């Protein structure tokens, strides 16, 4: 199963649209995991129309219309992996222990909010992934998203993709 992981898309607040490279990855993924901060319902509609399967949550920048359609936490089993998606996990210090306690029944936690790519494993074995942001890199050198493969209860080929810098950014 080909998985695309993104978050903090902030369309149209930080960009008019998603980068074409990300749209192409959405088109080829078996499942898209989006960890919130869509900003506009039109982007959710567009991703739903193009993704084969979407597992998504709302973020702190998402208003009532998005919150009416998306949960705060999404849980799903994919290729034998127990996956949770949430926008915010709190400060980086103590994140693994805090998330392992909050999601003891999960193998993978996808989160956003910080715009900082993150890939760690808690002592319990919980894998934590943050794809960064494809539209608002903040202090990061590149805008980013993740792809991965899932099969038979395993997550592998996790790859952080750097997007070309937009003019003026």
N, C-alpha and C. Protein backbone atom coordinates (compact mmCIF):
# COMPACT_ATOMS: atom_id res chain seq x y z
N UNK A 1 0.84 -1.18 0.00
CA UNK A 1 0.00 0.00 0.00
C UNK A 1 0.89 1.24 0.00
N UNK A 2 0.67 2.11 -0.98
CA UNK A 2 1.42 3.37 -1.07
C UNK A 2 0.69 4.44 -0.26
N UNK A 3 1.43 5.09 0.62
CA UNK A 3 0.84 6.06 1.54
C UNK A 3 1.49 7.42 1.33
N UNK A 4 0.68 8.45 1.27
CA UNK A 4 1.15 9.83 1.24
C UNK A 4 0.76 10.47 2.57
N UNK A 5 1.70 11.15 3.20
CA UNK A 5 1.46 11.81 4.48
C UNK A 5 1.73 13.30 4.32
N UNK A 6 0.72 14.12 4.67
CA UNK A 6 0.87 15.56 4.59
C UNK A 6 0.12 16.21 5.74
N UNK A 7 0.40 17.48 5.95
CA UNK A 7 -0.26 18.27 6.99
C UNK A 7 0.03 19.73 6.74
N UNK A 8 -0.66 20.59 7.45
CA UNK A 8 -0.35 22.02 7.43
C UNK A 8 -0.27 22.58 6.01
N UNK A 9 -1.30 22.26 5.23
CA UNK A 9 -1.32 22.71 3.85
C UNK A 9 -1.70 24.19 3.74
N UNK A 10 -2.51 24.69 4.64
CA UNK A 10 -2.79 26.14 4.75
C UNK A 10 -3.16 26.80 3.42
N UNK A 11 -3.99 26.13 2.61
CA UNK A 11 -4.44 26.72 1.35
C UNK A 11 -5.79 27.40 1.60
N UNK A 12 -6.02 28.62 1.19
CA UNK A 12 -5.16 29.51 0.41
C UNK A 12 -4.36 30.50 1.26
N UNK A 13 -4.27 30.28 2.54
CA UNK A 13 -3.58 31.22 3.43
C UNK A 13 -2.10 31.36 3.10
N UNK A 14 -1.39 30.27 2.89
CA UNK A 14 0.05 30.29 2.63
C UNK A 14 0.42 30.00 1.18
N UNK A 15 -0.53 29.44 0.42
CA UNK A 15 -0.30 29.15 -1.00
C UNK A 15 -1.66 29.12 -1.68
N UNK A 16 -1.67 29.44 -2.96
CA UNK A 16 -2.94 29.41 -3.70
C UNK A 16 -3.42 27.99 -3.91
N UNK A 17 -2.48 27.05 -4.01
CA UNK A 17 -2.81 25.65 -4.27
C UNK A 17 -1.66 24.79 -3.76
N UNK A 18 -1.88 23.49 -3.73
CA UNK A 18 -0.80 22.58 -3.38
C UNK A 18 0.20 22.51 -4.53
N UNK A 19 1.47 22.25 -4.23
CA UNK A 19 2.46 22.09 -5.30
C UNK A 19 2.08 20.92 -6.22
N UNK A 20 2.36 21.06 -7.50
CA UNK A 20 2.00 20.02 -8.46
C UNK A 20 2.62 18.66 -8.10
N UNK A 21 3.84 18.67 -7.56
CA UNK A 21 4.48 17.41 -7.15
C UNK A 21 3.65 16.69 -6.09
N UNK A 22 3.04 17.44 -5.18
CA UNK A 22 2.20 16.84 -4.14
C UNK A 22 0.90 16.32 -4.75
N UNK A 23 0.29 17.08 -5.66
CA UNK A 23 -0.91 16.58 -6.32
C UNK A 23 -0.62 15.26 -7.05
N UNK A 24 0.52 15.17 -7.72
CA UNK A 24 0.89 13.94 -8.42
C UNK A 24 1.03 12.78 -7.43
N UNK A 25 1.61 13.05 -6.27
CA UNK A 25 1.75 12.01 -5.25
C UNK A 25 0.39 11.60 -4.69
N UNK A 26 -0.51 12.54 -4.53
CA UNK A 26 -1.88 12.23 -4.09
C UNK A 26 -2.55 11.31 -5.11
N UNK A 27 -2.37 11.62 -6.38
CA UNK A 27 -2.99 10.82 -7.45
C UNK A 27 -2.51 9.37 -7.47
N UNK A 28 -1.27 9.12 -7.06
CA UNK A 28 -0.73 7.75 -7.13
C UNK A 28 -0.80 7.00 -5.81
N UNK A 29 -1.15 7.66 -4.72
CA UNK A 29 -1.19 7.01 -3.41
C UNK A 29 -2.45 6.14 -3.28
N UNK A 30 -2.31 5.06 -2.54
CA UNK A 30 -3.48 4.24 -2.19
C UNK A 30 -4.27 4.89 -1.06
N UNK A 31 -3.57 5.60 -0.20
CA UNK A 31 -4.22 6.31 0.90
C UNK A 31 -3.45 7.59 1.19
N UNK A 32 -4.18 8.66 1.49
CA UNK A 32 -3.60 9.94 1.89
C UNK A 32 -3.95 10.16 3.35
N UNK A 33 -2.93 10.43 4.16
CA UNK A 33 -3.11 10.79 5.56
C UNK A 33 -2.82 12.28 5.69
N UNK A 34 -3.79 13.06 6.15
CA UNK A 34 -3.63 14.51 6.29
C UNK A 34 -3.88 14.88 7.74
N UNK A 35 -2.86 15.47 8.38
CA UNK A 35 -2.91 15.76 9.81
C UNK A 35 -3.32 17.21 10.11
N UNK A 36 -4.25 17.75 9.33
CA UNK A 36 -4.89 19.00 9.69
C UNK A 36 -4.23 20.28 9.24
N UNK A 37 -4.94 21.38 9.51
CA UNK A 37 -4.65 22.73 9.04
C UNK A 37 -4.80 22.82 7.53
N UNK A 38 -6.02 22.50 7.09
CA UNK A 38 -6.42 22.65 5.70
C UNK A 38 -6.66 24.12 5.39
N UNK A 39 -7.37 24.80 6.27
CA UNK A 39 -7.80 26.20 6.21
C UNK A 39 -9.07 26.40 5.37
N UNK A 40 -9.17 25.77 4.20
CA UNK A 40 -10.31 26.00 3.33
C UNK A 40 -10.99 24.68 2.96
N UNK A 41 -12.31 24.66 3.02
CA UNK A 41 -13.09 23.47 2.67
C UNK A 41 -12.85 23.07 1.21
N UNK A 42 -12.60 24.03 0.34
CA UNK A 42 -12.37 23.72 -1.08
C UNK A 42 -11.18 22.78 -1.26
N UNK A 43 -10.15 22.92 -0.44
CA UNK A 43 -9.00 22.01 -0.56
C UNK A 43 -9.40 20.60 -0.12
N UNK A 44 -10.14 20.48 0.97
CA UNK A 44 -10.63 19.17 1.39
C UNK A 44 -11.44 18.53 0.27
N UNK A 45 -12.35 19.28 -0.33
CA UNK A 45 -13.15 18.75 -1.45
C UNK A 45 -12.26 18.27 -2.59
N UNK A 46 -11.25 19.05 -2.92
CA UNK A 46 -10.36 18.70 -4.04
C UNK A 46 -9.55 17.44 -3.73
N UNK A 47 -9.03 17.33 -2.51
CA UNK A 47 -8.26 16.14 -2.14
C UNK A 47 -9.17 14.92 -2.10
N UNK A 48 -10.36 15.07 -1.54
CA UNK A 48 -11.32 13.95 -1.51
C UNK A 48 -11.64 13.47 -2.93
N UNK A 49 -11.74 14.40 -3.86
CA UNK A 49 -12.08 14.04 -5.24
C UNK A 49 -10.94 13.29 -5.94
N UNK A 50 -9.71 13.55 -5.55
CA UNK A 50 -8.56 12.95 -6.25
C UNK A 50 -7.96 11.76 -5.52
N UNK A 51 -8.07 11.70 -4.21
CA UNK A 51 -7.46 10.61 -3.43
C UNK A 51 -8.29 9.34 -3.54
N UNK A 52 -7.62 8.21 -3.62
CA UNK A 52 -8.34 6.93 -3.60
C UNK A 52 -9.00 6.73 -2.24
N UNK A 53 -8.27 7.10 -1.19
CA UNK A 53 -8.78 7.01 0.18
C UNK A 53 -8.12 8.13 0.97
N UNK A 54 -8.90 8.81 1.80
CA UNK A 54 -8.39 9.90 2.62
C UNK A 54 -8.73 9.64 4.08
N UNK A 55 -7.71 9.75 4.92
CA UNK A 55 -7.88 9.71 6.38
C UNK A 55 -7.35 11.05 6.87
N UNK A 56 -8.23 11.85 7.48
CA UNK A 56 -7.86 13.23 7.77
C UNK A 56 -8.50 13.73 9.05
N UNK A 57 -7.88 14.77 9.60
CA UNK A 57 -8.37 15.44 10.81
C UNK A 57 -8.33 16.94 10.60
N UNK A 58 -8.97 17.66 11.53
CA UNK A 58 -8.87 19.12 11.49
C UNK A 58 -7.73 19.58 12.38
N UNK A 59 -7.26 20.80 12.10
CA UNK A 59 -6.20 21.41 12.89
C UNK A 59 -6.67 22.69 13.53
N UNK A 60 -5.79 23.33 14.25
CA UNK A 60 -6.14 24.54 15.00
C UNK A 60 -6.50 25.72 14.10
N UNK A 61 -6.10 25.71 12.83
CA UNK A 61 -6.45 26.78 11.89
C UNK A 61 -7.70 26.47 11.07
N UNK A 62 -8.36 25.37 11.38
CA UNK A 62 -9.54 24.95 10.62
C UNK A 62 -10.82 25.38 11.34
N UNK A 63 -11.67 26.09 10.61
CA UNK A 63 -12.89 26.65 11.17
C UNK A 63 -14.02 25.64 11.28
N UNK A 64 -15.20 26.15 11.62
CA UNK A 64 -16.37 25.30 11.87
C UNK A 64 -16.77 24.39 10.71
N UNK A 65 -16.63 24.87 9.47
CA UNK A 65 -17.03 24.05 8.32
C UNK A 65 -16.16 22.80 8.20
N UNK A 66 -14.86 22.95 8.42
CA UNK A 66 -13.96 21.79 8.37
C UNK A 66 -14.15 20.91 9.60
N UNK A 67 -14.33 21.51 10.75
CA UNK A 67 -14.54 20.73 11.98
C UNK A 67 -15.84 19.93 11.92
N UNK A 68 -16.80 20.40 11.16
CA UNK A 68 -18.06 19.66 11.01
C UNK A 68 -17.87 18.40 10.17
N UNK A 69 -16.85 18.39 9.33
CA UNK A 69 -16.62 17.25 8.42
C UNK A 69 -15.49 16.32 8.84
N UNK A 70 -14.59 16.81 9.71
CA UNK A 70 -13.41 16.04 10.07
C UNK A 70 -13.34 15.85 11.58
N UNK A 71 -12.79 14.72 12.03
CA UNK A 71 -12.61 14.51 13.46
C UNK A 71 -11.33 15.18 13.98
N UNK A 72 -11.23 15.27 15.29
CA UNK A 72 -9.98 15.75 15.91
C UNK A 72 -8.92 14.67 15.85
N UNK A 73 -9.34 13.41 16.01
CA UNK A 73 -8.45 12.25 15.93
C UNK A 73 -9.11 11.23 15.01
N UNK A 74 -8.34 10.69 14.08
CA UNK A 74 -8.83 9.62 13.20
C UNK A 74 -8.03 8.37 13.52
N UNK A 75 -8.72 7.24 13.57
CA UNK A 75 -8.07 5.94 13.80
C UNK A 75 -8.50 4.99 12.69
N UNK A 76 -7.54 4.26 12.16
CA UNK A 76 -7.82 3.35 11.05
C UNK A 76 -6.79 2.23 11.07
N UNK A 77 -7.16 1.08 10.55
CA UNK A 77 -6.18 0.02 10.33
C UNK A 77 -5.87 -0.02 8.85
N UNK A 78 -4.58 0.02 8.53
CA UNK A 78 -4.11 0.00 7.15
C UNK A 78 -3.03 -1.06 7.01
N UNK A 79 -3.27 -2.03 6.15
CA UNK A 79 -2.29 -3.09 5.89
C UNK A 79 -1.79 -3.74 7.18
N UNK A 80 -2.68 -3.89 8.14
CA UNK A 80 -2.31 -4.52 9.40
C UNK A 80 -1.69 -3.60 10.42
N UNK A 81 -1.56 -2.32 10.12
CA UNK A 81 -1.03 -1.33 11.07
C UNK A 81 -2.17 -0.53 11.68
N UNK A 82 -2.10 -0.33 12.98
CA UNK A 82 -3.09 0.49 13.68
C UNK A 82 -2.56 1.93 13.67
N UNK A 83 -3.27 2.80 12.96
CA UNK A 83 -2.81 4.16 12.68
C UNK A 83 -3.75 5.17 13.34
N UNK A 84 -3.16 6.20 13.94
CA UNK A 84 -3.92 7.36 14.42
C UNK A 84 -3.36 8.60 13.75
N UNK A 85 -4.25 9.55 13.48
CA UNK A 85 -3.87 10.83 12.90
C UNK A 85 -4.44 11.91 13.80
N UNK A 86 -3.61 12.88 14.16
CA UNK A 86 -4.01 14.00 15.02
C UNK A 86 -3.21 15.21 14.58
N UNK A 87 -3.72 16.39 14.86
CA UNK A 87 -2.96 17.57 14.44
C UNK A 87 -1.84 17.91 15.41
N UNK A 88 -2.18 18.07 16.66
CA UNK A 88 -1.21 18.61 17.63
C UNK A 88 -0.87 17.58 18.70
N UNK A 89 0.42 17.51 19.05
CA UNK A 89 0.88 16.58 20.08
C UNK A 89 1.58 17.28 21.24
N UNK A 90 1.63 18.60 21.22
CA UNK A 90 2.29 19.33 22.30
C UNK A 90 3.77 19.52 22.03
N UNK A 91 4.51 19.97 23.06
CA UNK A 91 5.94 20.28 22.89
C UNK A 91 6.75 19.06 22.48
N UNK A 92 7.88 19.32 21.82
CA UNK A 92 8.74 18.21 21.37
C UNK A 92 9.33 17.44 22.55
N UNK A 93 9.63 18.14 23.66
CA UNK A 93 10.18 17.47 24.84
C UNK A 93 9.13 16.53 25.41
N UNK A 94 9.47 15.28 25.52
CA UNK A 94 8.56 14.28 26.08
C UNK A 94 7.50 13.78 25.12
N UNK A 95 7.59 14.16 23.84
CA UNK A 95 6.55 13.80 22.86
C UNK A 95 6.35 12.29 22.75
N UNK A 96 7.42 11.52 22.65
CA UNK A 96 7.27 10.07 22.46
C UNK A 96 6.51 9.44 23.63
N UNK A 97 6.91 9.74 24.86
CA UNK A 97 6.25 9.15 26.03
C UNK A 97 4.80 9.61 26.13
N UNK A 98 4.57 10.90 25.89
CA UNK A 98 3.21 11.45 25.97
C UNK A 98 2.30 10.80 24.93
N UNK A 99 2.78 10.66 23.70
CA UNK A 99 1.98 10.07 22.63
C UNK A 99 1.78 8.57 22.83
N UNK A 100 2.80 7.90 23.33
CA UNK A 100 2.66 6.46 23.60
C UNK A 100 1.59 6.23 24.67
N UNK A 101 1.51 7.11 25.66
CA UNK A 101 0.49 6.98 26.70
C UNK A 101 -0.89 7.30 26.15
N UNK A 102 -0.98 8.28 25.25
CA UNK A 102 -2.27 8.68 24.68
C UNK A 102 -2.78 7.70 23.62
N UNK A 103 -1.86 7.04 22.92
CA UNK A 103 -2.23 6.13 21.83
C UNK A 103 -1.61 4.74 22.05
N UNK A 104 -1.93 4.09 23.17
CA UNK A 104 -1.28 2.81 23.49
C UNK A 104 -1.66 1.68 22.55
N UNK A 105 -2.75 1.83 21.83
CA UNK A 105 -3.24 0.79 20.94
C UNK A 105 -2.88 1.04 19.48
N UNK A 106 -1.89 1.89 19.23
CA UNK A 106 -1.51 2.24 17.85
C UNK A 106 -0.07 1.84 17.55
N UNK A 107 0.18 1.58 16.28
CA UNK A 107 1.53 1.31 15.79
C UNK A 107 2.17 2.55 15.18
N UNK A 108 1.32 3.45 14.64
CA UNK A 108 1.80 4.63 13.94
C UNK A 108 0.93 5.82 14.32
N UNK A 109 1.58 6.93 14.65
CA UNK A 109 0.89 8.19 14.88
C UNK A 109 1.40 9.22 13.89
N UNK A 110 0.49 9.79 13.11
CA UNK A 110 0.80 10.86 12.17
C UNK A 110 0.29 12.15 12.79
N UNK A 111 1.14 13.18 12.83
CA UNK A 111 0.74 14.45 13.41
C UNK A 111 1.32 15.60 12.61
N UNK A 112 0.84 16.81 12.89
CA UNK A 112 1.31 17.99 12.20
C UNK A 112 1.60 19.11 13.19
N UNK A 113 1.15 20.31 12.87
CA UNK A 113 1.18 21.51 13.68
C UNK A 113 2.54 22.24 13.69
N UNK A 114 3.63 21.55 13.88
CA UNK A 114 4.92 22.22 14.05
C UNK A 114 5.56 22.65 12.73
N UNK A 115 5.15 22.05 11.62
CA UNK A 115 5.76 22.27 10.31
C UNK A 115 7.19 21.73 10.27
N UNK A 116 7.56 20.92 11.24
CA UNK A 116 8.91 20.36 11.34
C UNK A 116 8.84 18.85 11.09
N UNK A 117 9.51 18.34 10.05
CA UNK A 117 9.51 16.89 9.84
C UNK A 117 10.01 16.15 11.07
N UNK A 118 9.38 15.01 11.35
CA UNK A 118 9.69 14.25 12.56
C UNK A 118 9.51 12.78 12.26
N UNK A 119 10.46 11.95 12.65
CA UNK A 119 10.35 10.50 12.49
C UNK A 119 11.10 9.86 13.64
N UNK A 120 10.36 9.43 14.65
CA UNK A 120 10.96 8.77 15.81
C UNK A 120 10.11 7.58 16.21
N UNK A 121 10.66 6.79 17.13
CA UNK A 121 9.95 5.64 17.67
C UNK A 121 9.98 5.74 19.19
N UNK A 122 8.80 5.64 19.80
CA UNK A 122 8.69 5.66 21.26
C UNK A 122 9.19 4.33 21.82
N UNK A 123 9.58 4.29 23.09
CA UNK A 123 10.03 3.03 23.70
C UNK A 123 9.01 1.89 23.58
N UNK A 124 7.74 2.23 23.45
CA UNK A 124 6.68 1.22 23.30
C UNK A 124 6.61 0.66 21.89
N UNK A 125 7.36 1.27 20.95
CA UNK A 125 7.31 0.84 19.56
C UNK A 125 6.44 1.72 18.68
N UNK A 126 5.71 2.69 19.27
CA UNK A 126 4.89 3.61 18.48
C UNK A 126 5.78 4.46 17.59
N UNK A 127 5.52 4.45 16.31
CA UNK A 127 6.26 5.29 15.35
C UNK A 127 5.53 6.61 15.22
N UNK A 128 6.25 7.71 15.29
CA UNK A 128 5.68 9.04 15.17
C UNK A 128 6.22 9.71 13.92
N UNK A 129 5.30 10.18 13.06
CA UNK A 129 5.68 10.83 11.81
C UNK A 129 5.00 12.18 11.69
N UNK A 130 5.77 13.20 11.36
CA UNK A 130 5.25 14.51 11.00
C UNK A 130 5.87 14.83 9.63
N UNK A 131 5.03 15.13 8.63
CA UNK A 131 5.55 15.37 7.29
C UNK A 131 6.09 16.78 7.05
N UNK A 132 6.02 17.66 8.06
CA UNK A 132 6.34 19.06 7.80
C UNK A 132 5.18 19.69 7.06
N UNK A 133 5.44 20.72 6.28
CA UNK A 133 4.39 21.40 5.51
C UNK A 133 4.83 21.55 4.06
N UNK A 134 3.91 21.28 3.12
CA UNK A 134 4.26 21.45 1.71
C UNK A 134 4.12 22.89 1.22
N UNK A 135 3.59 23.79 2.06
CA UNK A 135 3.33 25.16 1.61
C UNK A 135 3.90 26.24 2.52
N UNK A 136 4.26 25.88 3.76
CA UNK A 136 4.71 26.87 4.74
C UNK A 136 5.87 26.29 5.53
N UNK A 137 7.06 26.43 4.99
CA UNK A 137 8.23 25.78 5.58
C UNK A 137 8.71 26.44 6.85
N UNK A 138 8.25 27.66 7.12
CA UNK A 138 8.68 28.43 8.29
C UNK A 138 10.21 28.45 8.36
N UNK A 139 10.79 27.95 9.44
CA UNK A 139 12.26 28.00 9.61
C UNK A 139 12.97 26.80 8.98
N UNK A 140 12.21 25.89 8.36
CA UNK A 140 12.82 24.72 7.74
C UNK A 140 13.44 25.10 6.39
N UNK A 141 14.46 24.38 5.96
CA UNK A 141 15.09 24.72 4.69
C UNK A 141 14.19 24.45 3.47
N UNK A 142 13.25 23.50 3.60
CA UNK A 142 12.39 23.13 2.48
C UNK A 142 10.97 22.88 2.96
N UNK A 143 10.02 23.07 2.07
CA UNK A 143 8.66 22.58 2.26
C UNK A 143 8.71 21.07 1.98
N UNK A 144 7.91 20.29 2.71
CA UNK A 144 8.07 18.84 2.65
C UNK A 144 6.74 18.09 2.76
N UNK A 145 6.79 16.82 2.39
CA UNK A 145 5.74 15.83 2.66
C UNK A 145 6.43 14.48 2.72
N UNK A 146 5.70 13.44 3.14
CA UNK A 146 6.26 12.09 3.27
C UNK A 146 5.51 11.11 2.38
N UNK A 147 6.22 10.08 1.94
CA UNK A 147 5.59 8.90 1.37
C UNK A 147 6.14 7.69 2.11
N UNK A 148 5.37 6.60 2.05
CA UNK A 148 5.79 5.36 2.71
C UNK A 148 5.07 4.19 2.07
N UNK A 149 5.50 3.01 2.43
CA UNK A 149 4.83 1.77 2.02
C UNK A 149 4.38 1.04 3.28
N UNK A 150 3.20 0.44 3.21
CA UNK A 150 2.69 -0.40 4.28
C UNK A 150 2.34 -1.75 3.69
N UNK A 151 2.72 -2.81 4.41
CA UNK A 151 2.36 -4.16 3.99
C UNK A 151 2.55 -5.10 5.17
N UNK A 152 1.60 -5.98 5.34
CA UNK A 152 1.69 -7.05 6.35
C UNK A 152 2.10 -6.53 7.72
N UNK A 153 1.50 -5.42 8.13
CA UNK A 153 1.78 -4.89 9.46
C UNK A 153 3.11 -4.16 9.60
N UNK A 154 3.73 -3.84 8.47
CA UNK A 154 5.02 -3.14 8.50
C UNK A 154 4.93 -1.82 7.74
N UNK A 155 5.66 -0.85 8.25
CA UNK A 155 5.82 0.44 7.59
C UNK A 155 7.26 0.53 7.14
N UNK A 156 7.49 0.75 5.86
CA UNK A 156 8.87 0.92 5.39
C UNK A 156 8.91 1.91 4.24
N UNK A 157 10.09 2.15 3.74
CA UNK A 157 10.35 3.11 2.66
C UNK A 157 9.79 4.49 3.00
N UNK A 158 9.91 4.89 4.25
CA UNK A 158 9.47 6.23 4.63
C UNK A 158 10.46 7.21 4.03
N UNK A 159 9.94 8.12 3.21
CA UNK A 159 10.80 9.06 2.50
C UNK A 159 10.27 10.48 2.66
N UNK A 160 11.15 11.37 3.08
CA UNK A 160 10.83 12.78 3.17
C UNK A 160 11.14 13.42 1.83
N UNK A 161 10.12 14.07 1.24
CA UNK A 161 10.28 14.72 -0.06
C UNK A 161 10.40 16.22 0.12
N UNK A 162 11.44 16.79 -0.45
CA UNK A 162 11.64 18.24 -0.44
C UNK A 162 11.00 18.83 -1.68
N UNK A 163 10.29 19.90 -1.49
CA UNK A 163 9.66 20.58 -2.61
C UNK A 163 10.50 21.76 -3.05
N UNK A 164 10.48 22.08 -4.34
CA UNK A 164 11.25 23.24 -4.81
C UNK A 164 10.73 24.52 -4.14
N UNK A 165 11.63 25.42 -3.88
CA UNK A 165 11.23 26.71 -3.28
C UNK A 165 10.43 27.50 -4.29
N UNK A 166 9.37 28.11 -3.78
CA UNK A 166 8.56 28.99 -4.62
C UNK A 166 9.29 30.33 -4.76
N UNK A 167 9.12 31.00 -5.87
CA UNK A 167 9.74 32.32 -6.02
C UNK A 167 9.32 33.26 -4.89
N UNK A 168 10.29 33.94 -4.32
CA UNK A 168 10.01 34.88 -3.25
C UNK A 168 9.94 34.26 -1.87
N UNK A 169 10.25 32.95 -1.76
CA UNK A 169 10.19 32.27 -0.46
C UNK A 169 11.51 31.67 -0.08
